[in-house]
Amino acid sequence: MTQPDADPMNLLIPQEVVQASRVDSETLRLCTQEGRSRWVRTLGGHRRYFKADVQRLLKEPGR
């Protein structure tokens, strides 16, 4: 993992984020580009999203 605080127990795979938030993968990508959600890359090159960021996004007004 690329960040020391990237505990695997606090990370979600993209499919989990899409299912939990009911947004499509393109919206998820845009959130990361806008800096609204952080992600890390695993050693295998896969993205993992921080659970706390996803929970915060779900609580945003207008969601």
Protein backbone atom coordinates (compact mmCIF):
# COMPACT_ATOMS: atom_id res chain seq x y z
CA MET A 1 0.00 0.00 0.00
CA THR A 2 1.15 3.48 -0.66
CA GLN A 3 0.04 5.11 2.61
CA PRO A 4 0.99 4.03 6.13
CA ASP A 5 -2.55 4.65 7.46
CA ALA A 6 -4.02 2.32 4.82
CA ASP A 7 -5.13 -0.43 7.19
CA PRO A 8 -6.80 -3.12 5.05
CA MET A 9 -9.67 -3.26 7.55
CA ASN A 10 -10.53 0.38 6.78
CA LEU A 11 -10.46 0.05 2.99
CA LEU A 12 -13.15 -0.84 0.48
CA ILE A 13 -12.92 -2.21 -3.04
CA PRO A 14 -14.62 -0.11 -5.72
CA GLN A 15 -17.53 -2.55 -6.02
CA GLU A 16 -18.27 -2.22 -2.28
CA VAL A 17 -18.29 1.57 -2.57
CA VAL A 18 -20.63 1.51 -5.57
CA GLN A 19 -23.04 -0.87 -3.82
CA ALA A 20 -23.02 1.02 -0.51
CA SER A 21 -23.44 4.47 -2.05
CA ARG A 22 -25.65 3.51 -5.01
CA VAL A 23 -23.54 5.57 -7.38
CA ASP A 24 -21.91 4.32 -10.53
CA SER A 25 -18.19 3.82 -10.91
CA GLU A 26 -17.84 6.99 -13.03
CA THR A 27 -19.25 9.11 -10.18
CA LEU A 28 -16.82 7.45 -7.81
CA ARG A 29 -13.94 8.30 -10.14
CA LEU A 30 -15.08 11.93 -10.32
CA CYS A 31 -15.23 12.15 -6.50
CA THR A 32 -11.62 11.07 -6.30
CA GLN A 33 -10.56 13.52 -9.03
CA GLU A 34 -12.28 16.34 -7.12
CA GLY A 35 -10.43 15.31 -3.96
CA ARG A 36 -13.61 14.34 -2.12
CA SER A 37 -12.41 10.79 -1.54
CA ARG A 38 -8.94 9.33 -1.11
CA TRP A 39 -7.72 6.04 -2.45
CA VAL A 40 -4.60 3.93 -2.38
CA ARG A 41 -3.22 1.40 -4.78
CA THR A 42 -2.44 -2.12 -3.62
CA LEU A 43 0.78 -3.85 -4.56
CA GLY A 44 -1.22 -5.59 -7.29
CA GLY A 45 -2.29 -2.25 -8.75
CA HIS A 46 -5.91 -2.24 -7.55
CA ARG A 47 -7.65 0.78 -6.03
CA ARG A 48 -8.94 0.73 -2.48
CA TYR A 49 -11.04 3.51 -0.97
CA PHE A 50 -11.01 4.70 2.63
CA LYS A 51 -14.15 3.64 4.46
CA ALA A 52 -14.25 6.89 6.48
CA ASP A 53 -14.25 8.98 3.27
CA VAL A 54 -17.12 6.95 1.82
CA GLN A 55 -19.14 7.30 5.03
CA ARG A 56 -18.52 11.05 5.03
CA LEU A 57 -19.64 11.35 1.40
CA LEU A 58 -22.85 9.47 2.18
CA LYS A 59 -23.70 12.02 4.88
CA GLU A 60 -23.20 15.07 2.63
CA PRO A 61 -26.26 17.28 2.14
CA GLY A 62 -28.02 16.74 -1.15
CA ARG A 63 -26.83 13.18 -1.33
